[in-house]
Amino acid sequence: MPEPIFYRRILPPPETEAQEILQSQYAAYEFYREVRYREAFEQYCQWYAETAAENQRDLAQMQRELNFFGWLNRRSDKPKLPEPDPEASNSGSDAS
């Protein structure tokens, strides 16, 4: 008498087939995890570059401004005046 189909489906697949399935599942999981990590890292690098550029612009602007706090603290004899921008003065006087 042949075995009923019910009993054949209950048995787990052979161990090698199960290992192959689990290995492929784990490889896919690791791949997508790496993709998410790289996307997050790329987003962080973009944010960092934008923030660094903004901070550099702010620093350049602050260096061009007068040092009012130096005047208020009277720690220096003379306040430092901003130096004129050489590029701005050359661009207007270039008549050639």
PDB file of N, CA and C in Angstrom:
ATOM      1  N   MET A   1       0.850  -1.183   0.000  1.00  0.00           N
ATOM      2  CA  MET A   1       0.000   0.000   0.000  1.00  0.00           C
ATOM      3  C   MET A   1       0.894   1.244   0.000  1.00  0.00           C
ATOM      4  N   PRO A   2       0.684   2.144  -0.950  1.00  0.00           N
ATOM      5  CA  PRO A   2       1.523   3.346  -1.017  1.00  0.00           C
ATOM      6  C   PRO A   2       1.207   4.295   0.130  1.00  0.00           C
ATOM      7  N   GLU A   3       2.245   5.107   0.473  1.00  0.00           N
ATOM      8  CA  GLU A   3       2.067   6.097   1.552  1.00  0.00           C
ATOM      9  C   GLU A   3       1.131   7.201   1.091  1.00  0.00           C
ATOM     10  N   PRO A   4       0.273   7.635   1.968  1.00  0.00           N
ATOM     11  CA  PRO A   4      -0.581   8.760   1.583  1.00  0.00           C
ATOM     12  C   PRO A   4       0.258  10.024   1.357  1.00  0.00           C
ATOM     13  N   ILE A   5      -0.194  10.914   0.519  1.00  0.00           N
ATOM     14  CA  ILE A   5       0.527  12.154   0.195  1.00  0.00           C
ATOM     15  C   ILE A   5       0.704  13.044   1.425  1.00  0.00           C
ATOM     16  N   PHE A   6      -0.211  12.923   2.365  1.00  0.00           N
ATOM     17  CA  PHE A   6      -0.143  13.740   3.572  1.00  0.00           C
ATOM     18  C   PHE A   6       1.165  13.510   4.332  1.00  0.00           C
ATOM     19  N   TYR A   7       1.578  12.270   4.433  1.00  0.00           N
ATOM     20  CA  TYR A   7       2.791  11.952   5.192  1.00  0.00           C
ATOM     21  C   TYR A   7       4.050  12.428   4.475  1.00  0.00           C
ATOM     22  N   ARG A   8       4.026  12.455   3.166  1.00  0.00           N
ATOM     23  CA  ARG A   8       5.214  12.896   2.427  1.00  0.00           C
ATOM     24  C   ARG A   8       5.427  14.406   2.548  1.00  0.00           C
ATOM     25  N   ARG A   9       4.398  15.186   2.707  1.00  0.00           N
ATOM     26  CA  ARG A   9       4.534  16.641   2.785  1.00  0.00           C
ATOM     27  C   ARG A   9       4.933  17.105   4.173  1.00  0.00           C
ATOM     28  N   ILE A  10       4.686  16.333   5.178  1.00  0.00           N
ATOM     29  CA  ILE A  10       5.035  16.725   6.533  1.00  0.00           C
ATOM     30  C   ILE A  10       6.540  16.647   6.755  1.00  0.00           C
ATOM     31  N   LEU A  11       7.183  15.741   6.104  1.00  0.00           N
ATOM     32  CA  LEU A  11       8.617  15.565   6.304  1.00  0.00           C
ATOM     33  C   LEU A  11       9.359  16.823   5.855  1.00  0.00           C
ATOM     34  N   PRO A  12      10.353  17.231   6.627  1.00  0.00           N
ATOM     35  CA  PRO A  12      11.135  18.412   6.227  1.00  0.00           C
ATOM     36  C   PRO A  12      11.978  18.096   4.999  1.00  0.00           C
ATOM     37  N   PRO A  13      12.355  19.127   4.263  1.00  0.00           N
ATOM     38  CA  PRO A  13      13.212  18.880   3.091  1.00  0.00           C
ATOM     39  C   PRO A  13      14.568  18.347   3.556  1.00  0.00           C
ATOM     40  N   PRO A  14      15.297  17.755   2.654  1.00  0.00           N
ATOM     41  CA  PRO A  14      16.632  17.266   3.039  1.00  0.00           C
ATOM     42  C   PRO A  14      17.485  18.400   3.604  1.00  0.00           C
ATOM     43  N   GLU A  15      18.412  18.038   4.455  1.00  0.00           N
ATOM     44  CA  GLU A  15      19.200  19.050   5.175  1.00  0.00           C
ATOM     45  C   GLU A  15      20.001  19.940   4.230  1.00  0.00           C
ATOM     46  N   THR A  16      20.545  19.405   3.195  1.00  0.00           N
ATOM     47  CA  THR A  16      21.336  20.226   2.265  1.00  0.00           C
ATOM     48  C   THR A  16      20.451  21.242   1.561  1.00  0.00           C
ATOM     49  N   GLU A  17      19.241  20.851   1.186  1.00  0.00           N
ATOM     50  CA  GLU A  17      18.333  21.790   0.535  1.00  0.00           C
ATOM     51  C   GLU A  17      17.928  22.907   1.502  1.00  0.00           C
ATOM     52  N   ALA A  18      17.663  22.561   2.740  1.00  0.00           N
ATOM     53  CA  ALA A  18      17.316  23.572   3.748  1.00  0.00           C
ATOM     54  C   ALA A  18      18.487  24.521   3.979  1.00  0.00           C
ATOM     55  N   GLN A  19      19.688  23.993   4.020  1.00  0.00           N
ATOM     56  CA  GLN A  19      20.864  24.851   4.209  1.00  0.00           C
ATOM     57  C   GLN A  19      21.035  25.813   3.039  1.00  0.00           C
ATOM     58  N   GLU A  20      20.818  25.316   1.834  1.00  0.00           N
ATOM     59  CA  GLU A  20      20.934  26.185   0.657  1.00  0.00           C
ATOM     60  C   GLU A  20      19.898  27.312   0.705  1.00  0.00           C
ATOM     61  N   ILE A  21      18.688  26.964   1.104  1.00  0.00           N
ATOM     62  CA  ILE A  21      17.634  27.977   1.194  1.00  0.00           C
ATOM     63  C   ILE A  21      17.991  29.013   2.252  1.00  0.00           C
ATOM     64  N   LEU A  22      18.440  28.571   3.399  1.00  0.00           N
ATOM     65  CA  LEU A  22      18.810  29.503   4.473  1.00  0.00           C
ATOM     66  C   LEU A  22      20.009  30.353   4.082  1.00  0.00           C
ATOM     67  N   GLN A  23      20.976  29.758   3.408  1.00  0.00           N
ATOM     68  CA  GLN A  23      22.150  30.525   2.985  1.00  0.00           C
ATOM     69  C   GLN A  23      21.766  31.600   1.971  1.00  0.00           C
ATOM     70  N   SER A  24      20.900  31.263   1.023  1.00  0.00           N
ATOM     71  CA  SER A  24      20.491  32.271   0.039  1.00  0.00           C
ATOM     72  C   SER A  24      19.660  33.365   0.710  1.00  0.00           C
ATOM     73  N   GLN A  25      18.822  32.983   1.664  1.00  0.00           N
ATOM     74  CA  GLN A  25      18.028  33.975   2.404  1.00  0.00           C
ATOM     75  C   GLN A  25      18.946  34.908   3.192  1.00  0.00           C
ATOM     76  N   TYR A  26      19.955  34.342   3.854  1.00  0.00           N
ATOM     77  CA  TYR A  26      20.888  35.149   4.644  1.00  0.00           C
ATOM     78  C   TYR A  26      21.719  36.058   3.743  1.00  0.00           C
ATOM     79  N   ALA A  27      22.126  35.549   2.573  1.00  0.00           N
ATOM     80  CA  ALA A  27      22.895  36.374   1.635  1.00  0.00           C
ATOM     81  C   ALA A  27      22.056  37.559   1.155  1.00  0.00           C
ATOM     82  N   ALA A  28      20.777  37.320   0.866  1.00  0.00           N
ATOM     83  CA  ALA A  28      19.899  38.420   0.439  1.00  0.00           C
ATOM     84  C   ALA A  28      19.715  39.426   1.566  1.00  0.00           C
ATOM     85  N   TYR A  29      19.543  38.937   2.787  1.00  0.00           N
ATOM     86  CA  TYR A  29      19.390  39.817   3.946  1.00  0.00           C
ATOM     87  C   TYR A  29      20.635  40.683   4.129  1.00  0.00           C
ATOM     88  N   GLU A  30      21.812  40.070   4.059  1.00  0.00           N
ATOM     89  CA  GLU A  30      23.070  40.816   4.207  1.00  0.00           C
ATOM     90  C   GLU A  30      23.241  41.840   3.086  1.00  0.00           C
ATOM     91  N   PHE A  31      22.869  41.478   1.874  1.00  0.00           N
ATOM     92  CA  PHE A  31      22.988  42.396   0.749  1.00  0.00           C
ATOM     93  C   PHE A  31      22.133  43.638   0.973  1.00  0.00           C
ATOM     94  N   TYR A  32      20.857  43.457   1.322  1.00  0.00           N
ATOM     95  CA  TYR A  32      19.977  44.606   1.526  1.00  0.00           C
ATOM     96  C   TYR A  32      20.378  45.411   2.752  1.00  0.00           C
ATOM     97  N   ARG A  33      20.928  44.753   3.747  1.00  0.00           N
ATOM     98  CA  ARG A  33      21.438  45.472   4.920  1.00  0.00           C
ATOM     99  C   ARG A  33      22.617  46.373   4.521  1.00  0.00           C
ATOM    100  N   GLU A  34      23.489  45.849   3.682  1.00  0.00           N
ATOM    101  CA  GLU A  34      24.627  46.637   3.195  1.00  0.00           C
ATOM    102  C   GLU A  34      24.146  47.817   2.342  1.00  0.00           C
ATOM    103  N   VAL A  35      23.127  47.596   1.516  1.00  0.00           N
ATOM    104  CA  VAL A  35      22.579  48.673   0.681  1.00  0.00           C
ATOM    105  C   VAL A  35      22.028  49.783   1.564  1.00  0.00           C
ATOM    106  N   ARG A  36      21.260  49.411   2.598  1.00  0.00           N
ATOM    107  CA  ARG A  36      20.707  50.422   3.504  1.00  0.00           C
ATOM    108  C   ARG A  36      21.822  51.179   4.225  1.00  0.00           C
ATOM    109  N   TYR A  37      22.866  50.469   4.644  1.00  0.00           N
ATOM    110  CA  TYR A  37      23.986  51.111   5.336  1.00  0.00           C
ATOM    111  C   TYR A  37      24.681  52.110   4.413  1.00  0.00           C
ATOM    112  N   ARG A  38      24.926  51.709   3.188  1.00  0.00           N
ATOM    113  CA  ARG A  38      25.622  52.609   2.255  1.00  0.00           C
ATOM    114  C   ARG A  38      24.777  53.825   1.902  1.00  0.00           C
ATOM    115  N   GLU A  39      23.470  53.643   1.772  1.00  0.00           N
ATOM    116  CA  GLU A  39      22.596  54.788   1.495  1.00  0.00           C
ATOM    117  C   GLU A  39      22.592  55.762   2.676  1.00  0.00           C
ATOM    118  N   ALA A  40      22.534  55.218   3.890  1.00  0.00           N
ATOM    119  CA  ALA A  40      22.556  56.083   5.073  1.00  0.00           C
ATOM    120  C   ALA A  40      23.898  56.798   5.178  1.00  0.00           C
ATOM    121  N   PHE A  41      24.986  56.103   4.863  1.00  0.00           N
ATOM    122  CA  PHE A  41      26.308  56.722   4.930  1.00  0.00           C
ATOM    123  C   PHE A  41      26.445  57.813   3.876  1.00  0.00           C
ATOM    124  N   GLU A  42      25.933  57.567   2.684  1.00  0.00           N
ATOM    125  CA  GLU A  42      25.971  58.574   1.623  1.00  0.00           C
ATOM    126  C   GLU A  42      25.161  59.804   2.015  1.00  0.00           C
ATOM    127  N   GLN A  43      24.016  59.583   2.628  1.00  0.00           N
ATOM    128  CA  GLN A  43      23.190  60.704   3.093  1.00  0.00           C
ATOM    129  C   GLN A  43      23.925  61.492   4.173  1.00  0.00           C
ATOM    130  N   TYR A  44      24.596  60.791   5.089  1.00  0.00           N
ATOM    131  CA  TYR A  44      25.371  61.463   6.129  1.00  0.00           C
ATOM    132  C   TYR A  44      26.512  62.269   5.516  1.00  0.00           C
ATOM    133  N   CYS A  45      27.209  61.712   4.544  1.00  0.00           N
ATOM    134  CA  CYS A  45      28.313  62.435   3.901  1.00  0.00           C
ATOM    135  C   CYS A  45      27.810  63.692   3.203  1.00  0.00           C
ATOM    136  N   GLN A  46      26.655  63.597   2.558  1.00  0.00           N
ATOM    137  CA  GLN A  46      26.065  64.765   1.899  1.00  0.00           C
ATOM    138  C   GLN A  46      25.735  65.842   2.930  1.00  0.00           C
ATOM    139  N   TRP A  47      25.103  65.445   4.028  1.00  0.00           N
ATOM    140  CA  TRP A  47      24.764  66.401   5.093  1.00  0.00           C
ATOM    141  C   TRP A  47      26.032  67.036   5.652  1.00  0.00           C
ATOM    142  N   TYR A  48      27.063  66.239   5.883  1.00  0.00           N
ATOM    143  CA  TYR A  48      28.302  66.745   6.461  1.00  0.00           C
ATOM    144  C   TYR A  48      28.952  67.758   5.526  1.00  0.00           C
ATOM    145  N   ALA A  49      28.979  67.470   4.229  1.00  0.00           N
ATOM    146  CA  ALA A  49      29.583  68.398   3.265  1.00  0.00           C
ATOM    147  C   ALA A  49      28.809  69.715   3.220  1.00  0.00           C
ATOM    148  N   GLU A  50      27.487  69.640   3.237  1.00  0.00           N
ATOM    149  CA  GLU A  50      26.681  70.865   3.232  1.00  0.00           C
ATOM    150  C   GLU A  50      26.902  71.679   4.503  1.00  0.00           C
ATOM    151  N   THR A  51      26.954  71.012   5.645  1.00  0.00           N
ATOM    152  CA  THR A  51      27.164  71.706   6.914  1.00  0.00           C
ATOM    153  C   THR A  51      28.556  72.331   6.967  1.00  0.00           C
ATOM    154  N   ALA A  52      29.568  71.613   6.487  1.00  0.00           N
ATOM    155  CA  ALA A  52      30.926  72.152   6.482  1.00  0.00           C
ATOM    156  C   ALA A  52      31.017  73.386   5.585  1.00  0.00           C
ATOM    157  N   ALA A  53      30.386  73.339   4.418  1.00  0.00           N
ATOM    158  CA  ALA A  53      30.408  74.496   3.520  1.00  0.00           C
ATOM    159  C   ALA A  53      29.696  75.687   4.157  1.00  0.00           C
ATOM    160  N   GLU A  54      28.576  75.429   4.814  1.00  0.00           N
ATOM    161  CA  GLU A  54      27.849  76.509   5.490  1.00  0.00           C
ATOM    162  C   GLU A  54      28.685  77.106   6.621  1.00  0.00           C
ATOM    163  N   ASN A  55      29.349  76.264   7.381  1.00  0.00           N
ATOM    164  CA  ASN A  55      30.200  76.760   8.471  1.00  0.00           C
ATOM    165  C   ASN A  55      31.378  77.566   7.934  1.00  0.00           C
ATOM    166  N   GLN A  56      31.940  77.148   6.806  1.00  0.00           N
ATOM    167  CA  GLN A  56      33.042  77.911   6.217  1.00  0.00           C
ATOM    168  C   GLN A  56      32.572  79.277   5.733  1.00  0.00           C
ATOM    169  N   ARG A  57      31.375  79.332   5.151  1.00  0.00           N
ATOM    170  CA  ARG A  57      30.828  80.630   4.729  1.00  0.00           C
ATOM    171  C   ARG A  57      30.583  81.522   5.943  1.00  0.00           C
ATOM    172  N   ASP A  58      30.047  80.945   7.016  1.00  0.00           N
ATOM    173  CA  ASP A  58      29.804  81.728   8.228  1.00  0.00           C
ATOM    174  C   ASP A  58      31.108  82.248   8.820  1.00  0.00           C
ATOM    175  N   LEU A  59      32.136  81.417   8.840  1.00  0.00           N
ATOM    176  CA  LEU A  59      33.432  81.832   9.371  1.00  0.00           C
ATOM    177  C   LEU A  59      34.028  82.963   8.540  1.00  0.00           C
ATOM    178  N   ALA A  60      33.952  82.842   7.211  1.00  0.00           N
ATOM    179  CA  ALA A  60      34.480  83.901   6.350  1.00  0.00           C
ATOM    180  C   ALA A  60      33.722  85.208   6.575  1.00  0.00           C
ATOM    181  N   GLN A  61      32.411  85.113   6.750  1.00  0.00           N
ATOM    182  CA  GLN A  61      31.619  86.319   7.000  1.00  0.00           C
ATOM    183  C   GLN A  61      31.983  86.929   8.351  1.00  0.00           C
ATOM    184  N   MET A  62      32.155  86.106   9.378  1.00  0.00           N
ATOM    185  CA  MET A  62      32.506  86.635  10.703  1.00  0.00           C
ATOM    186  C   MET A  62      33.895  87.273  10.692  1.00  0.00           C
ATOM    187  N   GLN A  63      34.808  86.739   9.889  1.00  0.00           N
ATOM    188  CA  GLN A  63      36.150  87.314   9.834  1.00  0.00           C
ATOM    189  C   GLN A  63      36.146  88.670   9.144  1.00  0.00           C
ATOM    190  N   ARG A  64      35.171  88.921   8.275  1.00  0.00           N
ATOM    191  CA  ARG A  64      35.079  90.216   7.592  1.00  0.00           C
ATOM    192  C   ARG A  64      34.404  91.274   8.462  1.00  0.00           C
ATOM    193  N   GLU A  65      33.668  90.870   9.473  1.00  0.00           N
ATOM    194  CA  GLU A  65      32.943  91.821  10.313  1.00  0.00           C
ATOM    195  C   GLU A  65      33.865  92.455  11.352  1.00  0.00           C
ATOM    196  N   LEU A  66      33.414  93.583  11.900  1.00  0.00           N
ATOM    197  CA  LEU A  66      34.165  94.240  12.970  1.00  0.00           C
ATOM    198  C   LEU A  66      34.083  93.420  14.246  1.00  0.00           C
ATOM    199  N   ASN A  67      35.097  93.528  15.069  1.00  0.00           N
ATOM    200  CA  ASN A  67      35.131  92.802  16.336  1.00  0.00           C
ATOM    201  C   ASN A  67      34.556  93.699  17.432  1.00  0.00           C
ATOM    202  N   PHE A  68      33.225  93.722  17.532  1.00  0.00           N
ATOM    203  CA  PHE A  68      32.572  94.579  18.525  1.00  0.00           C
ATOM    204  C   PHE A  68      32.868  94.107  19.947  1.00  0.00           C
ATOM    205  N   PHE A  69      32.979  92.824  20.138  1.00  0.00           N
ATOM    206  CA  PHE A  69      33.247  92.307  21.475  1.00  0.00           C
ATOM    207  C   PHE A  69      34.638  92.711  21.948  1.00  0.00           C
ATOM    208  N   GLY A  70      35.561  92.840  21.027  1.00  0.00           N
ATOM    209  CA  GLY A  70      36.897  93.320  21.379  1.00  0.00           C
ATOM    210  C   GLY A  70      36.844  94.754  21.877  1.00  0.00           C
ATOM    211  N   TRP A  71      36.009  95.561  21.263  1.00  0.00           N
ATOM    212  CA  TRP A  71      35.847  96.941  21.723  1.00  0.00           C
ATOM    213  C   TRP A  71      35.213  96.988  23.105  1.00  0.00           C
ATOM    214  N   LEU A  72      34.198  96.160  23.318  1.00  0.00           N
ATOM    215  CA  LEU A  72      33.499  96.165  24.598  1.00  0.00           C
ATOM    216  C   LEU A  72      34.377  95.648  25.738  1.00  0.00           C
ATOM    217  N   ASN A  73      35.197  94.675  25.464  1.00  0.00           N
ATOM    218  CA  ASN A  73      36.058  94.103  26.504  1.00  0.00           C
ATOM    219  C   ASN A  73      37.305  94.947  26.759  1.00  0.00           C
ATOM    220  N   ARG A  74      37.644  95.808  25.839  1.00  0.00           N
ATOM    221  CA  ARG A  74      38.838  96.668  25.929  1.00  0.00           C
ATOM    222  C   ARG A  74      40.103  95.863  26.186  1.00  0.00           C
ATOM    223  N   ARG A  75      40.146  94.692  25.681  1.00  0.00           N
ATOM    224  CA  ARG A  75      41.345  93.869  25.852  1.00  0.00           C
ATOM    225  C   ARG A  75      42.410  94.233  24.825  1.00  0.00           C
ATOM    226  N   SER A  76      41.999  94.756  23.695  1.00  0.00           N
ATOM    227  CA  SER A  76      42.980  95.165  22.697  1.00  0.00           C
ATOM    228  C   SER A  76      42.991  96.697  22.619  1.00  0.00           C
ATOM    229  N   ASP A  77      44.136  97.269  22.281  1.00  0.00           N
ATOM    230  CA  ASP A  77      44.253  98.724  22.207  1.00  0.00           C
ATOM    231  C   ASP A  77      43.425  99.296  21.056  1.00  0.00           C
ATOM    232  N   LYS A  78      43.549  98.674  19.902  1.00  0.00           N
ATOM    233  CA  LYS A  78      42.829  99.156  18.728  1.00  0.00           C
ATOM    234  C   LYS A  78      41.992  98.011  18.164  1.00  0.00           C
ATOM    235  N   PRO A  79      40.792  98.325  17.754  1.00  0.00           N
ATOM    236  CA  PRO A  79      39.993  97.254  17.142  1.00  0.00           C
ATOM    237  C   PRO A  79      40.542  96.920  15.764  1.00  0.00           C
ATOM    238  N   LYS A  80      40.438  95.674  15.400  1.00  0.00           N
ATOM    239  CA  LYS A  80      40.890  95.246  14.077  1.00  0.00           C
ATOM    240  C   LYS A  80      39.796  95.542  13.067  1.00  0.00           C
ATOM    241  N   LEU A  81      40.124  96.323  12.067  1.00  0.00           N
ATOM    242  CA  LEU A  81      39.184  96.597  10.994  1.00  0.00           C
ATOM    243  C   LEU A  81      39.350  95.530   9.932  1.00  0.00           C
ATOM    244  N   PRO A  82      38.286  95.179   9.278  1.00  0.00           N
ATOM    245  CA  PRO A  82      38.419  94.152   8.234  1.00  0.00           C
ATOM    246  C   PRO A  82      39.250  94.686   7.080  1.00  0.00           C
ATOM    247  N   GLU A  83      40.073  93.806   6.535  1.00  0.00           N
ATOM    248  CA  GLU A  83      40.898  94.201   5.392  1.00  0.00           C
ATOM    249  C   GLU A  83      40.035  94.185   4.145  1.00  0.00           C
ATOM    250  N   PRO A  84      40.273  95.123   3.227  1.00  0.00           N
ATOM    251  CA  PRO A  84      39.473  95.139   1.995  1.00  0.00           C
ATOM    252  C   PRO A  84      39.747  93.887   1.176  1.00  0.00           C
ATOM    253  N   ASP A  85      38.728  93.424   0.500  1.00  0.00           N
ATOM    254  CA  ASP A  85      38.833  92.232  -0.322  1.00  0.00           C
ATOM    255  C   ASP A  85      39.606  92.587  -1.587  1.00  0.00           C
ATOM    256  N   PRO A  86      40.781  91.970  -1.823  1.00  0.00           N
ATOM    257  CA  PRO A  86      41.584  92.335  -3.021  1.00  0.00           C
ATOM    258  C   PRO A  86      40.868  91.976  -4.317  1.00  0.00           C
ATOM    259  N   GLU A  87      40.067  90.936  -4.339  1.00  0.00           N
ATOM    260  CA  GLU A  87      39.369  90.566  -5.578  1.00  0.00           C
ATOM    261  C   GLU A  87      38.310  91.602  -5.931  1.00  0.00           C
ATOM    262  N   ALA A  88      37.632  92.132  -4.934  1.00  0.00           N
ATOM    263  CA  ALA A  88      36.585  93.114  -5.193  1.00  0.00           C
ATOM    264  C   ALA A  88      37.186  94.423  -5.704  1.00  0.00           C
ATOM    265  N   SER A  89      38.336  94.848  -5.171  1.00  0.00           N
ATOM    266  CA  SER A  89      38.931  96.095  -5.623  1.00  0.00           C
ATOM    267  C   SER A  89      39.559  95.958  -7.000  1.00  0.00           C
ATOM    268  N   ASN A  90      40.078  94.780  -7.351  1.00  0.00           N
ATOM    269  CA  ASN A  90      40.694  94.584  -8.665  1.00  0.00           C
ATOM    270  C   ASN A  90      39.643  94.476  -9.774  1.00  0.00           C
ATOM    271  N   SER A  91      38.515  93.888  -9.465  1.00  0.00           N
ATOM    272  CA  SER A  91      37.506  93.680 -10.506  1.00  0.00           C
ATOM    273  C   SER A  91      36.915  95.015 -10.983  1.00  0.00           C
ATOM    274  N   GLY A  92      36.794  95.997 -10.107  1.00  0.00           N
ATOM    275  CA  GLY A  92      36.223  97.284 -10.491  1.00  0.00           C
ATOM    276  C   GLY A  92      37.217  98.200 -11.160  1.00  0.00           C
ATOM    277  N   SER A  93      38.499  98.072 -10.878  1.00  0.00           N
ATOM    278  CA  SER A  93      39.482  98.986 -11.430  1.00  0.00           C
ATOM    279  C   SER A  93      40.168  98.439 -12.661  1.00  0.00           C
ATOM    280  N   ASP A  94      39.805  97.280 -13.107  1.00  0.00           N
ATOM    281  CA  ASP A  94      40.416  96.682 -14.300  1.00  0.00           C
ATOM    282  C   ASP A  94      39.776  97.288 -15.527  1.00  0.00           C
ATOM    283  N   ALA A  95      40.462  98.178 -16.204  1.00  0.00           N
ATOM    284  CA  ALA A  95      39.888  98.860 -17.377  1.00  0.00           C
ATOM    285  C   ALA A  95      40.407  98.286 -18.672  1.00  0.00           C
ATOM    286  N   SER A  96      41.262  97.273 -18.644  1.00  0.00           N
ATOM    287  CA  SER A  96      41.819  96.753 -19.896  1.00  0.00           C
ATOM    288  C   SER A  96      40.981  95.712 -20.531  1.00  0.00           C
TER     289      SER A  96
END
